[in-house]
N, C-alpha and C. Protein backbone atom coordinates (compact mmCIF):
# COMPACT_ATOMS: atom_id res chain seq x y z
N UNK A 1 145.19 142.64 45.00
CA UNK A 1 146.55 142.93 44.49
C UNK A 1 146.73 142.43 43.28
N UNK A 2 146.53 141.11 43.07
CA UNK A 2 146.59 140.07 42.11
C UNK A 2 145.62 140.79 41.03
N UNK A 3 144.60 141.28 41.16
CA UNK A 3 144.06 141.68 40.04
C UNK A 3 144.34 143.12 39.42
N UNK A 4 144.64 143.78 40.37
CA UNK A 4 145.61 145.01 39.72
C UNK A 4 146.77 144.53 38.57
N UNK A 5 147.21 143.50 38.82
CA UNK A 5 148.69 143.25 38.37
C UNK A 5 147.93 142.52 36.86
N UNK A 6 146.79 141.45 37.24
CA UNK A 6 146.24 141.32 35.76
C UNK A 6 145.70 142.58 34.75
N UNK A 7 145.20 143.55 35.42
CA UNK A 7 145.15 144.53 34.63
C UNK A 7 146.42 145.49 34.11
N UNK A 8 147.30 145.37 34.87
CA UNK A 8 148.50 146.19 34.26
C UNK A 8 148.97 145.14 33.15
N UNK A 9 148.84 143.88 33.29
CA UNK A 9 149.60 143.01 32.29
C UNK A 9 149.18 143.12 31.17
N UNK A 10 147.51 142.98 31.29
CA UNK A 10 146.65 143.06 29.89
C UNK A 10 146.79 144.28 29.34
N UNK A 11 146.91 145.76 29.94
CA UNK A 11 147.13 146.73 29.60
C UNK A 11 148.31 147.04 28.92
N UNK A 12 149.35 146.02 29.09
CA UNK A 12 151.06 146.17 28.52
C UNK A 12 150.88 145.42 27.41
N UNK A 13 150.09 144.09 27.34
CA UNK A 13 149.90 143.35 26.17
C UNK A 13 149.26 144.14 25.17
N UNK A 14 148.12 145.05 25.47
CA UNK A 14 147.53 145.75 24.58
C UNK A 14 148.38 146.62 23.66
N UNK A 15 149.37 147.54 24.37
CA UNK A 15 150.11 148.60 23.92
C UNK A 15 150.61 148.43 22.55
N UNK A 16 151.63 146.99 22.38
CA UNK A 16 152.00 146.50 21.04
C UNK A 16 151.11 147.04 19.78
N UNK A 17 150.05 146.16 20.02
CA UNK A 17 149.16 146.51 18.92
C UNK A 17 148.59 147.62 18.73
N UNK A 18 148.34 148.57 19.69
CA UNK A 18 147.99 149.72 19.40
C UNK A 18 149.16 150.70 18.61
N UNK A 19 149.90 150.40 19.04
CA UNK A 19 151.30 151.22 18.60
C UNK A 19 151.49 150.76 17.04
N UNK A 20 151.23 149.58 16.77
CA UNK A 20 151.51 149.10 15.39
C UNK A 20 150.22 149.46 14.56
N UNK A 21 148.80 149.55 15.05
CA UNK A 21 147.91 150.10 14.51
C UNK A 21 148.08 151.53 13.66
N UNK A 22 148.71 152.29 14.79
CA UNK A 22 149.14 153.81 14.34
C UNK A 22 150.04 153.82 13.44
N UNK A 23 151.01 152.97 13.64
CA UNK A 23 152.23 152.99 12.39
C UNK A 23 151.84 152.26 11.40
N UNK A 24 150.85 151.49 11.25
CA UNK A 24 150.62 150.71 9.79
C UNK A 24 150.70 151.37 8.65
N UNK A 25 150.03 152.48 8.51
CA UNK A 25 150.13 153.60 7.42
C UNK A 25 151.24 154.07 7.35
N UNK A 26 151.61 154.54 5.50
CA UNK A 26 152.85 155.20 5.24
C UNK A 26 152.63 156.80 5.49
N UNK A 27 151.41 156.81 5.50
CA UNK A 27 151.10 158.14 5.36
C UNK A 27 150.87 158.73 3.69
N UNK A 28 151.08 159.96 3.59
CA UNK A 28 150.84 160.54 2.49
C UNK A 28 152.04 160.76 1.49
N UNK A 29 152.35 160.49 0.48
CA UNK A 29 153.54 160.59 0.12
C UNK A 29 153.52 161.21 -1.63
N UNK A 30 154.56 162.12 -1.93
CA UNK A 30 154.57 162.64 -3.30
C UNK A 30 155.52 161.92 -4.02
N UNK A 31 155.54 161.59 -5.08
CA UNK A 31 156.36 160.80 -6.04
C UNK A 31 156.62 161.54 -7.25
N UNK A 32 157.77 162.30 -7.01
CA UNK A 32 158.50 163.39 -8.16
C UNK A 32 158.54 162.58 -9.69
N UNK A 33 158.19 162.57 -10.32
CA UNK A 33 158.20 162.03 -11.94
C UNK A 33 158.54 162.83 -12.71
N UNK A 34 158.78 164.33 -12.20
CA UNK A 34 159.08 165.46 -13.29
C UNK A 34 160.59 165.09 -13.51
N UNK A 35 161.13 165.28 -14.45
CA UNK A 35 162.38 165.51 -15.22
C UNK A 35 163.32 166.23 -13.93
N UNK A 36 163.12 166.97 -13.31
CA UNK A 36 163.73 167.95 -12.32
C UNK A 36 163.56 167.73 -10.78
N UNK A 37 164.56 168.46 -10.34
CA UNK A 37 164.80 168.33 -8.77
C UNK A 37 163.56 169.22 -8.18
N UNK A 38 162.56 169.02 -7.69
CA UNK A 38 161.55 170.04 -6.80
C UNK A 38 162.43 170.77 -5.62
N UNK A 39 162.25 171.83 -5.51
CA UNK A 39 162.93 172.85 -4.45
C UNK A 39 162.05 173.08 -3.43
N UNK A 40 160.50 173.15 -4.21
CA UNK A 40 159.30 173.92 -2.86
C UNK A 40 158.08 172.82 -3.59
N UNK A 41 157.19 172.66 -2.73
CA UNK A 41 156.24 172.06 -2.98
C UNK A 41 154.88 172.59 -1.74
N UNK A 42 153.89 173.27 -2.46
CA UNK A 42 153.02 173.64 -1.44
C UNK A 42 151.64 173.30 -1.94
N UNK A 43 150.81 173.33 -1.01
CA UNK A 43 149.45 172.36 -1.49
C UNK A 43 148.16 173.79 -1.20
N UNK A 44 147.40 173.69 -1.69
CA UNK A 44 146.00 174.40 -1.39
C UNK A 44 144.96 173.67 -1.46
N UNK A 45 143.98 174.06 -0.68
CA UNK A 45 142.56 173.18 -1.40
C UNK A 45 142.07 173.71 -2.82
N UNK A 46 141.63 172.64 -3.40
CA UNK A 46 141.67 173.10 -5.18
C UNK A 46 140.67 174.26 -5.19
N UNK A 47 141.26 175.05 -6.04
CA UNK A 47 140.69 176.66 -6.08
C UNK A 47 140.42 177.86 -5.22
N UNK A 48 141.43 177.50 -4.07
CA UNK A 48 141.13 178.20 -2.87
C UNK A 48 142.43 179.31 -2.89
N UNK A 49 143.53 178.68 -3.44
CA UNK A 49 144.93 179.67 -3.37
C UNK A 49 145.33 180.16 -2.14
N UNK A 50 144.96 179.09 -1.11
CA UNK A 50 145.49 179.17 0.17
C UNK A 50 146.48 178.37 0.66
N UNK A 51 147.89 178.98 0.02
CA UNK A 51 148.93 177.79 0.19
C UNK A 51 149.51 177.22 1.31
N UNK A 52 149.57 176.19 1.83
CA UNK A 52 150.25 175.79 3.18
C UNK A 52 152.11 176.16 3.01
N UNK A 53 152.37 174.97 3.89
CA UNK A 53 153.90 175.31 4.05
C UNK A 53 154.54 174.43 3.00
N UNK A 54 156.01 175.15 2.88
CA UNK A 54 156.78 173.66 1.91
C UNK A 54 157.04 172.53 2.28
N UNK A 55 156.46 171.79 1.80
CA UNK A 55 156.58 170.30 2.66
C UNK A 55 157.99 169.93 1.95
N UNK A 56 158.89 170.34 1.13
CA UNK A 56 160.30 169.75 0.98
C UNK A 56 160.96 170.06 2.02
N UNK A 57 160.63 170.66 3.04
CA UNK A 57 161.34 170.87 4.24
C UNK A 57 161.39 169.83 4.88
N UNK A 58 160.36 168.76 4.55
CA UNK A 58 160.18 167.41 5.27
C UNK A 58 161.10 166.60 4.94
N UNK A 59 161.94 166.82 4.03
CA UNK A 59 162.89 165.71 3.31
C UNK A 59 164.51 166.35 3.89
N UNK A 60 165.30 165.28 4.10
CA UNK A 60 166.63 165.48 4.57
C UNK A 60 167.26 166.57 4.10
N UNK A 61 167.37 166.45 2.52
CA UNK A 61 168.43 167.38 1.78
C UNK A 61 167.46 168.80 1.40
N UNK A 62 165.96 168.77 2.10
CA UNK A 62 165.12 169.77 1.48
C UNK A 62 165.05 169.69 0.12
N UNK A 63 165.08 169.02 -0.57
CA UNK A 63 164.78 168.71 -2.14
C UNK A 63 164.21 167.63 -2.66
N UNK A 64 163.72 167.19 -3.63
CA UNK A 64 163.04 166.00 -4.11
C UNK A 64 163.15 165.75 -5.66
N UNK A 65 164.11 164.85 -5.49
CA UNK A 65 164.97 164.49 -6.87
C UNK A 65 163.97 163.71 -7.67
N UNK A 66 164.14 163.82 -8.97
CA UNK A 66 163.30 162.74 -9.85
C UNK A 66 163.28 161.41 -9.51
N UNK A 67 162.20 160.64 -9.20
CA UNK A 67 161.54 159.28 -8.69
C UNK A 67 162.17 159.14 -7.41
N UNK A 68 162.25 160.56 -6.51
CA UNK A 68 162.35 160.25 -5.07
C UNK A 68 160.63 160.60 -4.45
N UNK A 69 160.45 160.07 -3.13
CA UNK A 69 159.28 160.01 -2.54
C UNK A 69 159.25 161.23 -1.42
N UNK A 70 158.39 161.96 -1.12
CA UNK A 70 158.50 162.81 0.16
C UNK A 70 157.30 162.74 0.71
N UNK A 71 157.30 162.72 1.77
CA UNK A 71 156.17 162.59 3.20
C UNK A 71 155.77 163.74 3.06
N UNK A 72 154.51 163.81 2.78
CA UNK A 72 153.69 165.09 3.05
C UNK A 72 152.93 164.85 4.32
N UNK A 73 153.03 166.15 5.21
CA UNK A 73 152.54 166.27 6.21
C UNK A 73 151.11 167.38 6.67
N UNK A 74 150.58 167.36 7.34
CA UNK A 74 149.66 168.00 7.93
C UNK A 74 148.48 168.54 6.93
N UNK A 75 148.20 167.38 6.15
CA UNK A 75 147.13 167.48 4.77
C UNK A 75 146.16 166.30 4.82
N UNK A 76 145.17 166.96 4.92
CA UNK A 76 144.23 165.88 4.80
C UNK A 76 143.84 165.16 3.38
N UNK A 77 143.17 163.94 3.47
CA UNK A 77 142.72 163.58 2.08
C UNK A 77 142.06 164.66 1.29
N UNK A 78 141.69 164.65 0.06
CA UNK A 78 140.72 165.36 -0.53
C UNK A 78 141.63 165.79 -1.87
N UNK A 79 141.03 167.08 -2.61
CA UNK A 79 141.44 167.63 -3.69
C UNK A 79 142.21 169.11 -3.57
N UNK A 80 143.34 169.02 -4.39
CA UNK A 80 144.27 170.01 -3.87
C UNK A 80 145.16 170.53 -5.08
N UNK A 81 145.33 171.76 -5.07
CA UNK A 81 146.22 172.19 -6.29
C UNK A 81 147.93 172.29 -5.68
N UNK A 82 148.64 172.19 -6.48
CA UNK A 82 149.91 172.43 -5.88
C UNK A 82 150.96 173.53 -6.60
N UNK A 83 151.67 173.84 -5.77
CA UNK A 83 152.40 174.99 -6.55
C UNK A 83 154.02 174.34 -6.33
N UNK A 84 154.61 174.17 -7.24
CA UNK A 84 155.92 173.25 -7.34
C UNK A 84 156.99 174.53 -8.09
N UNK A 85 158.30 174.30 -7.12
CA UNK A 85 158.80 175.04 -7.50
C UNK A 85 160.36 174.50 -7.86
N UNK A 86 161.25 175.20 -8.56
CA UNK A 86 162.48 174.56 -9.01
C UNK A 86 163.54 175.32 -8.89
N UNK A 87 164.86 175.38 -8.93
CA UNK A 87 166.07 175.97 -8.78
C UNK A 87 165.98 176.99 -9.94
N UNK A 88 166.25 178.24 -9.88
CA UNK A 88 166.48 179.27 -10.57
C UNK A 88 164.85 179.91 -10.76
N UNK A 89 164.20 179.57 -9.65
CA UNK A 89 162.87 180.66 -9.47
C UNK A 89 161.88 180.00 -10.57
N UNK A 90 161.95 179.06 -11.28
CA UNK A 90 160.95 178.58 -12.10
C UNK A 90 159.83 177.70 -11.32
N UNK A 91 158.55 178.24 -11.67
CA UNK A 91 157.40 177.62 -10.58
C UNK A 91 156.23 177.24 -11.56
N UNK A 92 155.64 176.24 -11.38
CA UNK A 92 154.36 175.73 -12.29
C UNK A 92 153.65 175.07 -11.02
N UNK A 93 152.44 175.09 -11.78
CA UNK A 93 151.21 174.85 -10.82
C UNK A 93 150.54 173.24 -11.26
N UNK A 94 150.03 172.52 -10.54
CA UNK A 94 149.18 170.98 -10.76
C UNK A 94 148.01 171.48 -10.02
N UNK A 95 147.04 171.20 -10.83
CA UNK A 95 145.43 171.47 -10.68
C UNK A 95 144.76 170.29 -10.23
N UNK A 96 144.01 170.36 -9.07
CA UNK A 96 143.12 169.28 -9.08
C UNK A 96 143.63 168.10 -8.50
N UNK A 97 144.67 167.85 -7.91
CA UNK A 97 145.17 166.56 -7.50
C UNK A 97 144.39 165.77 -6.34
N UNK A 98 144.02 164.73 -6.57
CA UNK A 98 143.48 163.95 -5.59
C UNK A 98 144.28 163.37 -4.73
N UNK A 99 144.31 163.50 -3.69
CA UNK A 99 145.30 163.02 -2.37
C UNK A 99 144.09 161.98 -1.31
N UNK A 100 144.98 160.77 -1.29
CA UNK A 100 143.92 159.95 -0.56
C UNK A 100 144.79 159.55 0.82
N UNK A 101 144.18 158.83 1.74
CA UNK A 101 144.91 158.88 2.76
C UNK A 101 145.71 157.49 2.74
N UNK A 102 147.31 157.68 3.31
CA UNK A 102 148.12 156.62 3.14
C UNK A 102 148.77 155.99 1.93
N UNK A 103 148.20 157.12 0.90
CA UNK A 103 148.89 156.61 -0.38
C UNK A 103 149.84 157.67 -1.08
N UNK A 104 150.33 157.20 -2.17
CA UNK A 104 151.07 158.03 -3.09
C UNK A 104 150.51 158.47 -4.24
N UNK A 105 150.86 160.26 -4.46
CA UNK A 105 150.45 160.61 -5.45
C UNK A 105 151.40 161.08 -6.43
N UNK A 106 151.61 161.18 -7.39
CA UNK A 106 152.68 161.56 -8.33
C UNK A 106 152.40 162.91 -9.39
N UNK A 107 153.57 163.70 -9.63
CA UNK A 107 153.72 164.83 -10.36
C UNK A 107 154.58 164.44 -11.39
N UNK A 108 154.23 164.55 -12.79
CA UNK A 108 155.08 164.60 -13.79
C UNK A 108 155.25 165.56 -14.52
N UNK A 109 155.97 165.75 -15.42
CA UNK A 109 156.00 167.01 -16.45
C UNK A 109 154.65 167.47 -17.13
N UNK A 110 154.05 166.35 -17.65
CA UNK A 110 152.67 166.60 -18.27
C UNK A 110 151.54 167.22 -17.41
N UNK A 111 151.85 167.21 -16.10
CA UNK A 111 150.90 167.49 -15.07
C UNK A 111 151.04 169.08 -15.07
N UNK A 112 152.09 169.33 -15.33
CA UNK A 112 152.83 171.03 -14.73
C UNK A 112 151.92 172.12 -15.85
N UNK A 113 151.63 172.80 -15.19
CA UNK A 113 150.54 173.83 -15.95
C UNK A 113 151.36 175.43 -15.56
N UNK A 114 150.79 176.33 -16.34
CA UNK A 114 151.42 177.98 -15.93
C UNK A 114 152.84 178.09 -15.56
N UNK A 115 153.79 177.56 -16.35
CA UNK A 115 155.25 177.65 -15.60
C UNK A 115 155.51 179.03 -16.06
N UNK A 116 156.09 179.61 -15.10
CA UNK A 116 157.01 180.91 -15.53
C UNK A 116 158.47 180.47 -15.43
N UNK A 117 159.06 181.36 -15.98
CA UNK A 117 160.83 181.23 -15.84
C UNK A 117 161.43 182.10 -14.90
């Protein structure tokens, strides 16, 4: 019986370390350095035109203000194209963004290409 208690105690002591290791990284984040509020942000593997979900839905107000960071979910590290939407139906593209694990990547006005009005 005492051996079982030792096993339980060791397991309980290991749990906080495992939880800490899982929460250590902050995840992938977008830093909006454009001059406007982003209302939609979709990613596709570079050159594929296979757009994922609108990542701005991860934000509490569903928009990413200038100088605000947004947690990106469901995306593995790699190279991506982004479709960036603004209010008033304006949409631009950013090509070949390198996304790294637990890192921040930024998008600024100079990165925006092929914008429509």
